[in-house]
PDB file of N, CA and C in Angstrom:
ATOM      1  N   UNK A   1     104.908-108.167  25.722  1.00  0.00           N
ATOM      2  CA  UNK A   1     103.842-109.067  26.066  1.00  0.00           C
ATOM      3  C   UNK A   1     103.116-109.522  24.799  1.00  0.00           C
ATOM      4  N   UNK A   2     102.920-108.605  23.852  1.00  0.00           N
ATOM      5  CA  UNK A   2     102.238-108.932  22.605  1.00  0.00           C
ATOM      6  C   UNK A   2     103.047-109.945  21.798  1.00  0.00           C
ATOM      7  N   UNK A   3     104.366-109.754  21.740  1.00  0.00           N
ATOM      8  CA  UNK A   3     105.230-110.675  20.987  1.00  0.00           C
ATOM      9  C   UNK A   3     105.150-112.067  21.583  1.00  0.00           C
ATOM     10  N   UNK A   4     105.158-112.148  22.903  1.00  0.00           N
ATOM     11  CA  UNK A   4     105.071-113.454  23.547  1.00  0.00           C
ATOM     12  C   UNK A   4     103.719-114.108  23.269  1.00  0.00           C
ATOM     13  N   UNK A   5     102.638-113.331  23.328  1.00  0.00           N
ATOM     14  CA  UNK A   5     101.303-113.892  23.083  1.00  0.00           C
ATOM     15  C   UNK A   5     101.177-114.416  21.663  1.00  0.00           C
ATOM     16  N   UNK A   6     101.698-113.676  20.704  1.00  0.00           N
ATOM     17  CA  UNK A   6     101.643-114.132  19.309  1.00  0.00           C
ATOM     18  C   UNK A   6     102.513-115.367  19.131  1.00  0.00           C
ATOM     19  N   UNK A   7     103.702-115.343  19.698  1.00  0.00           N
ATOM     20  CA  UNK A   7     104.589-116.504  19.603  1.00  0.00           C
ATOM     21  C   UNK A   7     104.006-117.731  20.260  1.00  0.00           C
ATOM     22  N   UNK A   8     103.327-117.545  21.378  1.00  0.00           N
ATOM     23  CA  UNK A   8     102.699-118.667  22.064  1.00  0.00           C
ATOM     24  C   UNK A   8     101.546-119.231  21.241  1.00  0.00           C
ATOM     25  N   UNK A   9     100.770-118.351  20.622  1.00  0.00           N
ATOM     26  CA  UNK A   9      99.644-118.840  19.810  1.00  0.00           C
ATOM     27  C   UNK A   9     100.123-119.557  18.551  1.00  0.00           C
ATOM     28  N   UNK A  10     101.289-119.192  18.040  1.00  0.00           N
ATOM     29  CA  UNK A  10     101.816-119.854  16.837  1.00  0.00           C
ATOM     30  C   UNK A  10     102.696-121.045  17.181  1.00  0.00           C
ATOM     31  N   UNK A  11     102.849-121.330  18.451  1.00  0.00           N
ATOM     32  CA  UNK A  11     103.631-122.478  18.869  1.00  0.00           C
ATOM     33  C   UNK A  11     105.127-122.226  18.886  1.00  0.00           C
ATOM     34  N   UNK A  12     105.561-121.008  18.785  1.00  0.00           N
ATOM     35  CA  UNK A  12     107.001-120.703  18.810  1.00  0.00           C
ATOM     36  C   UNK A  12     107.553-120.692  20.225  1.00  0.00           C
ATOM     37  N   UNK A  13     106.698-120.412  21.201  1.00  0.00           N
ATOM     38  CA  UNK A  13     107.111-120.419  22.602  1.00  0.00           C
ATOM     39  C   UNK A  13     106.323-121.484  23.335  1.00  0.00           C
ATOM     40  N   UNK A  14     106.917-121.941  24.415  1.00  0.00           N
ATOM     41  CA  UNK A  14     106.198-122.861  25.291  1.00  0.00           C
ATOM     42  C   UNK A  14     106.275-122.289  26.698  1.00  0.00           C
ATOM     43  N   UNK A  15     105.514-122.840  27.577  1.00  0.00           N
ATOM     44  CA  UNK A  15     105.522-122.371  28.953  1.00  0.00           C
ATOM     45  C   UNK A  15     106.573-123.083  29.797  1.00  0.00           C
ATOM     46  N   UNK A  16     107.475-123.827  29.141  1.00  0.00           N
ATOM     47  CA  UNK A  16     108.581-124.455  29.857  1.00  0.00           C
ATOM     48  C   UNK A  16     109.555-123.365  30.295  1.00  0.00           C
ATOM     49  N   UNK A  17     110.401-123.687  31.270  1.00  0.00           N
ATOM     50  CA  UNK A  17     111.393-122.732  31.747  1.00  0.00           C
ATOM     51  C   UNK A  17     112.561-122.675  30.758  1.00  0.00           C
ATOM     52  N   UNK A  18     112.464-121.780  29.813  1.00  0.00           N
ATOM     53  CA  UNK A  18     113.554-121.589  28.858  1.00  0.00           C
ATOM     54  C   UNK A  18     113.677-120.101  28.549  1.00  0.00           C
ATOM     55  N   UNK A  19     114.447-119.769  27.548  1.00  0.00           N
ATOM     56  CA  UNK A  19     114.699-118.374  27.189  1.00  0.00           C
ATOM     57  C   UNK A  19     113.428-117.670  26.733  1.00  0.00           C
ATOM     58  N   UNK A  20     112.462-118.386  26.212  1.00  0.00           N
ATOM     59  CA  UNK A  20     111.212-117.786  25.761  1.00  0.00           C
ATOM     60  C   UNK A  20     110.396-117.195  26.893  1.00  0.00           C
ATOM     61  N   UNK A  21     110.573-117.712  28.104  1.00  0.00           N
ATOM     62  CA  UNK A  21     109.848-117.201  29.254  1.00  0.00           C
ATOM     63  C   UNK A  21     110.398-115.847  29.707  1.00  0.00           C
ATOM     64  N   UNK A  22     111.579-115.489  29.180  1.00  0.00           N
ATOM     65  CA  UNK A  22     112.182-114.205  29.540  1.00  0.00           C
ATOM     66  C   UNK A  22     111.324-113.033  29.048  1.00  0.00           C
ATOM     67  N   UNK A  23     110.686-113.159  27.901  1.00  0.00           N
ATOM     68  CA  UNK A  23     109.904-112.060  27.336  1.00  0.00           C
ATOM     69  C   UNK A  23     108.716-111.653  28.210  1.00  0.00           C
ATOM     70  N   UNK A  24     107.878-112.593  28.640  1.00  0.00           N
ATOM     71  CA  UNK A  24     106.765-112.144  29.482  1.00  0.00           C
ATOM     72  C   UNK A  24     107.226-111.642  30.850  1.00  0.00           C
ATOM     73  N   UNK A  25     108.262-112.259  31.410  1.00  0.00           N
ATOM     74  CA  UNK A  25     108.762-111.786  32.698  1.00  0.00           C
ATOM     75  C   UNK A  25     109.336-110.378  32.580  1.00  0.00           C
ATOM     76  N   UNK A  26     110.087-110.124  31.515  1.00  0.00           N
ATOM     77  CA  UNK A  26     110.624-108.787  31.285  1.00  0.00           C
ATOM     78  C   UNK A  26     109.498-107.789  31.044  1.00  0.00           C
ATOM     79  N   UNK A  27     108.474-108.195  30.304  1.00  0.00           N
ATOM     80  CA  UNK A  27     107.326-107.327  30.057  1.00  0.00           C
ATOM     81  C   UNK A  27     106.602-106.972  31.338  1.00  0.00           C
ATOM     82  N   UNK A  28     106.373-107.944  32.190  1.00  0.00           N
ATOM     83  CA  UNK A  28     105.696-107.700  33.468  1.00  0.00           C
ATOM     84  C   UNK A  28     106.547-106.788  34.345  1.00  0.00           C
ATOM     85  N   UNK A  29     107.840-107.015  34.357  1.00  0.00           N
ATOM     86  CA  UNK A  29     108.749-106.178  35.140  1.00  0.00           C
ATOM     87  C   UNK A  29     108.718-104.728  34.656  1.00  0.00           C
ATOM     88  N   UNK A  30     108.765-104.520  33.346  1.00  0.00           N
ATOM     89  CA  UNK A  30     108.751-103.161  32.802  1.00  0.00           C
ATOM     90  C   UNK A  30     107.407-102.470  33.015  1.00  0.00           C
ATOM     91  N   UNK A  31     106.317-103.225  32.907  1.00  0.00           N
ATOM     92  CA  UNK A  31     105.002-102.649  33.180  1.00  0.00           C
ATOM     93  C   UNK A  31     104.908-102.247  34.653  1.00  0.00           C
ATOM     94  N   UNK A  32     105.403-103.086  35.526  1.00  0.00           N
ATOM     95  CA  UNK A  32     105.402-102.755  36.957  1.00  0.00           C
ATOM     96  C   UNK A  32     106.243-101.533  37.259  1.00  0.00           C
ATOM     97  N   UNK A  33     107.406-101.434  36.630  1.00  0.00           N
ATOM     98  CA  UNK A  33     108.259-100.259  36.832  1.00  0.00           C
ATOM     99  C   UNK A  33     107.579 -99.009  36.293  1.00  0.00           C
ATOM    100  N   UNK A  34     106.877 -99.133  35.183  1.00  0.00           N
ATOM    101  CA  UNK A  34     106.163 -97.987  34.626  1.00  0.00           C
ATOM    102  C   UNK A  34     105.044 -97.512  35.522  1.00  0.00           C
ATOM    103  N   UNK A  35     104.348 -98.432  36.144  1.00  0.00           N
ATOM    104  CA  UNK A  35     103.262 -98.068  37.043  1.00  0.00           C
ATOM    105  C   UNK A  35     103.818 -97.403  38.298  1.00  0.00           C
ATOM    106  N   UNK A  36     104.944 -97.902  38.787  1.00  0.00           N
ATOM    107  CA  UNK A  36     105.551 -97.333  39.994  1.00  0.00           C
ATOM    108  C   UNK A  36     106.080 -95.921  39.739  1.00  0.00           C
ATOM    109  N   UNK A  37     106.631 -95.669  38.571  1.00  0.00           N
ATOM    110  CA  UNK A  37     107.208 -94.364  38.250  1.00  0.00           C
ATOM    111  C   UNK A  37     106.155 -93.353  37.813  1.00  0.00           C
ATOM    112  N   UNK A  38     105.005 -93.770  37.443  1.00  0.00           N
ATOM    113  CA  UNK A  38     103.982 -92.873  36.923  1.00  0.00           C
ATOM    114  C   UNK A  38     103.998 -92.913  35.411  1.00  0.00           C
ATOM    115  N   UNK A  39     103.033 -92.270  34.831  1.00  0.00           N
ATOM    116  CA  UNK A  39     102.944 -92.312  33.378  1.00  0.00           C
ATOM    117  C   UNK A  39     103.944 -91.363  32.740  1.00  0.00           C
ATOM    118  N   UNK A  40     104.179 -91.572  31.460  1.00  0.00           N
ATOM    119  CA  UNK A  40     105.094 -90.691  30.746  1.00  0.00           C
ATOM    120  C   UNK A  40     104.563 -89.265  30.687  1.00  0.00           C
ATOM    121  N   UNK A  41     103.244 -89.127  30.709  1.00  0.00           N
ATOM    122  CA  UNK A  41     102.642 -87.798  30.690  1.00  0.00           C
ATOM    123  C   UNK A  41     103.003 -86.975  31.913  1.00  0.00           C
ATOM    124  N   UNK A  42     103.224 -87.634  33.027  1.00  0.00           N
ATOM    125  CA  UNK A  42     103.620 -86.928  34.238  1.00  0.00           C
ATOM    126  C   UNK A  42     105.101 -86.550  34.183  1.00  0.00           C
ATOM    127  N   UNK A  43     105.913 -87.421  33.613  1.00  0.00           N
ATOM    128  CA  UNK A  43     107.343 -87.148  33.573  1.00  0.00           C
ATOM    129  C   UNK A  43     107.727 -86.229  32.436  1.00  0.00           C
ATOM    130  N   UNK A  44     106.984 -86.263  31.344  1.00  0.00           N
ATOM    131  CA  UNK A  44     107.219 -85.399  30.196  1.00  0.00           C
ATOM    132  C   UNK A  44     105.907 -84.698  29.871  1.00  0.00           C
ATOM    133  N   UNK A  45     105.605 -83.613  30.591  1.00  0.00           N
ATOM    134  CA  UNK A  45     104.307 -82.973  30.391  1.00  0.00           C
ATOM    135  C   UNK A  45     104.175 -82.400  28.986  1.00  0.00           C
ATOM    136  N   UNK A  46     102.948 -82.447  28.494  1.00  0.00           N
ATOM    137  CA  UNK A  46     102.641 -81.910  27.175  1.00  0.00           C
ATOM    138  C   UNK A  46     102.316 -80.433  27.343  1.00  0.00           C
ATOM    139  N   UNK A  47     103.279 -79.584  26.998  1.00  0.00           N
ATOM    140  CA  UNK A  47     103.068 -78.155  27.125  1.00  0.00           C
ATOM    141  C   UNK A  47     103.322 -77.484  25.789  1.00  0.00           C
ATOM    142  N   UNK A  48     102.630 -76.403  25.566  1.00  0.00           N
ATOM    143  CA  UNK A  48     102.785 -75.687  24.300  1.00  0.00           C
ATOM    144  C   UNK A  48     104.114 -74.943  24.289  1.00  0.00           C
ATOM    145  N   UNK A  49     104.464 -74.418  23.140  1.00  0.00           N
ATOM    146  CA  UNK A  49     105.709 -73.662  23.030  1.00  0.00           C
ATOM    147  C   UNK A  49     105.680 -72.425  23.915  1.00  0.00           C
ATOM    148  N   UNK A  50     104.526 -71.774  24.000  1.00  0.00           N
ATOM    149  CA  UNK A  50     104.415 -70.583  24.844  1.00  0.00           C
ATOM    150  C   UNK A  50     104.595 -70.927  26.319  1.00  0.00           C
ATOM    151  N   UNK A  51     103.977 -72.019  26.757  1.00  0.00           N
ATOM    152  CA  UNK A  51     104.120 -72.439  28.153  1.00  0.00           C
ATOM    153  C   UNK A  51     105.558 -72.812  28.463  1.00  0.00           C
ATOM    154  N   UNK A  52     106.197 -73.529  27.541  1.00  0.00           N
ATOM    155  CA  UNK A  52     107.589 -73.912  27.753  1.00  0.00           C
ATOM    156  C   UNK A  52     108.475 -72.675  27.788  1.00  0.00           C
ATOM    157  N   UNK A  53     108.212 -71.703  26.905  1.00  0.00           N
ATOM    158  CA  UNK A  53     109.003 -70.470  26.880  1.00  0.00           C
ATOM    159  C   UNK A  53     108.866 -69.719  28.198  1.00  0.00           C
ATOM    160  N   UNK A  54     107.631 -69.616  28.715  1.00  0.00           N
ATOM    161  CA  UNK A  54     107.418 -68.936  29.999  1.00  0.00           C
ATOM    162  C   UNK A  54     108.122 -69.667  31.133  1.00  0.00           C
ATOM    163  N   UNK A  55     108.051 -71.002  31.116  1.00  0.00           N
ATOM    164  CA  UNK A  55     108.697 -71.780  32.184  1.00  0.00           C
ATOM    165  C   UNK A  55     110.204 -71.604  32.152  1.00  0.00           C
ATOM    166  N   UNK A  56     110.793 -71.660  30.956  1.00  0.00           N
ATOM    167  CA  UNK A  56     112.244 -71.518  30.833  1.00  0.00           C
ATOM    168  C   UNK A  56     112.671 -70.102  31.201  1.00  0.00           C
ATOM    169  N   UNK A  57     111.899 -69.096  30.781  1.00  0.00           N
ATOM    170  CA  UNK A  57     112.224 -67.719  31.149  1.00  0.00           C
ATOM    171  C   UNK A  57     112.152 -67.528  32.660  1.00  0.00           C
ATOM    172  N   UNK A  58     111.167 -68.132  33.294  1.00  0.00           N
ATOM    173  CA  UNK A  58     111.066 -68.072  34.750  1.00  0.00           C
ATOM    174  C   UNK A  58     112.264 -68.714  35.419  1.00  0.00           C
ATOM    175  N   UNK A  59     112.709 -69.859  34.896  1.00  0.00           N
ATOM    176  CA  UNK A  59     113.893 -70.521  35.446  1.00  0.00           C
ATOM    177  C   UNK A  59     115.135 -69.651  35.291  1.00  0.00           C
ATOM    178  N   UNK A  60     115.273 -69.013  34.128  1.00  0.00           N
ATOM    179  CA  UNK A  60     116.433 -68.150  33.880  1.00  0.00           C
ATOM    180  C   UNK A  60     116.396 -66.943  34.814  1.00  0.00           C
ATOM    181  N   UNK A  61     115.209 -66.337  34.985  1.00  0.00           N
ATOM    182  CA  UNK A  61     115.087 -65.186  35.884  1.00  0.00           C
ATOM    183  C   UNK A  61     115.407 -65.565  37.322  1.00  0.00           C
ATOM    184  N   UNK A  62     114.942 -66.736  37.749  1.00  0.00           N
ATOM    185  CA  UNK A  62     115.238 -67.192  39.114  1.00  0.00           C
ATOM    186  C   UNK A  62     116.734 -67.419  39.293  1.00  0.00           C
ATOM    187  N   UNK A  63     117.383 -67.986  38.291  1.00  0.00           N
ATOM    188  CA  UNK A  63     118.827 -68.205  38.360  1.00  0.00           C
ATOM    189  C   UNK A  63     119.571 -66.876  38.429  1.00  0.00           C
ATOM    190  N   UNK A  64     119.120 -65.902  37.651  1.00  0.00           N
ATOM    191  CA  UNK A  64     119.737 -64.571  37.676  1.00  0.00           C
ATOM    192  C   UNK A  64     119.563 -63.921  39.050  1.00  0.00           C
ATOM    193  N   UNK A  65     118.355 -64.037  39.641  1.00  0.00           N
ATOM    194  CA  UNK A  65     118.126 -63.468  40.976  1.00  0.00           C
ATOM    195  C   UNK A  65     119.041 -64.106  42.001  1.00  0.00           C
ATOM    196  N   UNK A  66     119.170 -65.432  41.926  1.00  0.00           N
ATOM    197  CA  UNK A  66     120.056 -66.132  42.869  1.00  0.00           C
ATOM    198  C   UNK A  66     121.500 -65.697  42.676  1.00  0.00           C
ATOM    199  N   UNK A  67     121.908 -65.508  41.424  1.00  0.00           N
ATOM    200  CA  UNK A  67     123.273 -65.053  41.150  1.00  0.00           C
ATOM    201  C   UNK A  67     123.487 -63.649  41.703  1.00  0.00           C
ATOM    202  N   UNK A  68     122.493 -62.774  41.523  1.00  0.00           N
ATOM    203  CA  UNK A  68     122.610 -61.408  42.026  1.00  0.00           C
ATOM    204  C   UNK A  68     122.664 -61.372  43.552  1.00  0.00           C
ATOM    205  N   UNK A  69     121.861 -62.200  44.203  1.00  0.00           N
ATOM    206  CA  UNK A  69     121.889 -62.265  45.661  1.00  0.00           C
ATOM    207  C   UNK A  69     123.249 -62.769  46.129  1.00  0.00           C
ATOM    208  N   UNK A  70     123.773 -63.782  45.464  1.00  0.00           N
ATOM    209  CA  UNK A  70     125.093 -64.304  45.818  1.00  0.00           C
ATOM    210  C   UNK A  70     126.169 -63.248  45.632  1.00  0.00           C
ATOM    211  N   UNK A  71     126.067 -62.473  44.557  1.00  0.00           N
ATOM    212  CA  UNK A  71     127.032 -61.404  44.302  1.00  0.00           C
ATOM    213  C   UNK A  71     126.921 -60.317  45.366  1.00  0.00           C
ATOM    214  N   UNK A  72     125.687 -59.992  45.760  1.00  0.00           N
ATOM    215  CA  UNK A  72     125.478 -58.971  46.791  1.00  0.00           C
ATOM    216  C   UNK A  72     126.083 -59.413  48.120  1.00  0.00           C
ATOM    217  N   UNK A  73     125.884 -60.690  48.487  1.00  0.00           N
ATOM    218  CA  UNK A  73     126.467 -61.186  49.734  1.00  0.00           C
ATOM    219  C   UNK A  73     127.995 -61.161  49.667  1.00  0.00           C
ATOM    220  N   UNK A  74     128.557 -61.533  48.531  1.00  0.00           N
ATOM    221  CA  UNK A  74     130.014 -61.516  48.393  1.00  0.00           C
ATOM    222  C   UNK A  74     130.549 -60.091  48.489  1.00  0.00           C
ATOM    223  N   UNK A  75     129.843 -59.140  47.890  1.00  0.00           N
ATOM    224  CA  UNK A  75     130.253 -57.742  47.950  1.00  0.00           C
ATOM    225  C   UNK A  75     130.177 -57.217  49.381  1.00  0.00           C
ATOM    226  N   UNK A  76     129.092 -57.567  50.088  1.00  0.00           N
ATOM    227  CA  UNK A  76     128.951 -57.146  51.480  1.00  0.00           C
ATOM    228  C   UNK A  76     130.049 -57.742  52.350  1.00  0.00           C
ATOM    229  N   UNK A  77     130.334 -59.010  52.147  1.00  0.00           N
ATOM    230  CA  UNK A  77     131.385 -59.659  52.926  1.00  0.00           C
ATOM    231  C   UNK A  77     132.738 -59.015  52.637  1.00  0.00           C
ATOM    232  N   UNK A  78     132.978 -58.699  51.386  1.00  0.00           N
ATOM    233  CA  UNK A  78     134.233 -58.036  51.028  1.00  0.00           C
ATOM    234  C   UNK A  78     134.327 -56.671  51.721  1.00  0.00           C
ATOM    235  N   UNK A  79     133.231 -55.937  51.733  1.00  0.00           N
ATOM    236  CA  UNK A  79     133.217 -54.617  52.372  1.00  0.00           C
ATOM    237  C   UNK A  79     133.468 -54.741  53.875  1.00  0.00           C
ATOM    238  N   UNK A  80     132.813 -55.699  54.534  1.00  0.00           N
ATOM    239  CA  UNK A  80     132.983 -55.901  55.976  1.00  0.00           C
ATOM    240  C   UNK A  80     134.416 -56.306  56.284  1.00  0.00           C
ATOM    241  N   UNK A  81     134.971 -57.230  55.527  1.00  0.00           N
ATOM    242  CA  UNK A  81     136.351 -57.664  55.769  1.00  0.00           C
ATOM    243  C   UNK A  81     137.335 -56.527  55.541  1.00  0.00           C
ATOM    244  N   UNK A  82     137.074 -55.726  54.538  1.00  0.00           N
ATOM    245  CA  UNK A  82     137.957 -54.593  54.253  1.00  0.00           C
ATOM    246  C   UNK A  82     137.889 -53.572  55.387  1.00  0.00           C
ATOM    247  N   UNK A  83     136.673 -53.305  55.905  1.00  0.00           N
ATOM    248  CA  UNK A  83     136.546 -52.352  57.013  1.00  0.00           C
ATOM    249  C   UNK A  83     137.184 -52.908  58.278  1.00  0.00           C
ATOM    250  N   UNK A  84     137.069 -54.210  58.537  1.00  0.00           N
ATOM    251  CA  UNK A  84     137.739 -54.820  59.687  1.00  0.00           C
ATOM    252  C   UNK A  84     139.243 -54.745  59.546  1.00  0.00           C
ATOM    253  N   UNK A  85     139.734 -54.938  58.346  1.00  0.00           N
ATOM    254  CA  UNK A  85     141.174 -54.853  58.110  1.00  0.00           C
ATOM    255  C   UNK A  85     141.662 -53.421  58.306  1.00  0.00           C
ATOM    256  N   UNK A  86     140.898 -52.439  57.857  1.00  0.00           N
ATOM    257  CA  UNK A  86     141.267 -51.037  58.027  1.00  0.00           C
ATOM    258  C   UNK A  86     141.253 -50.662  59.511  1.00  0.00           C
ATOM    259  N   UNK A  87     140.304 -51.192  60.285  1.00  0.00           N
ATOM    260  CA  UNK A  87     140.229 -50.889  61.703  1.00  0.00           C
ATOM    261  C   UNK A  87     141.396 -51.488  62.474  1.00  0.00           C
ATOM    262  N   UNK A  88     141.870 -52.647  62.031  1.00  0.00           N
ATOM    263  CA  UNK A  88     142.964 -53.311  62.749  1.00  0.00           C
ATOM    264  C   UNK A  88     144.302 -52.624  62.494  1.00  0.00           C
ATOM    265  N   UNK A  89     144.392 -51.838  61.428  1.00  0.00           N
ATOM    266  CA  UNK A  89     145.650 -51.140  61.129  1.00  0.00           C
ATOM    267  C   UNK A  89     145.710 -49.911  61.909  1.00  0.00           C
TER     268      UNK A  89
END
């Protein structure tokens, strides 16, 4: 938008329908998309190294817990299937 305003004030752009009108339209479109998506601060929060370390460690611990639960269910299923197979023999 700034480039278009400077160009318009210096007479480099006109308000006729030409390629120069692409800049303000693109600027308005990008500003609208930015408002709809939220600010960059919301999408990329400003957190300290300690906060980021705690968040990542929490994510890793949660992933490990989920993996352990999945392993426990697989082990239980294996045990049940093995006992059913032994009973059928």
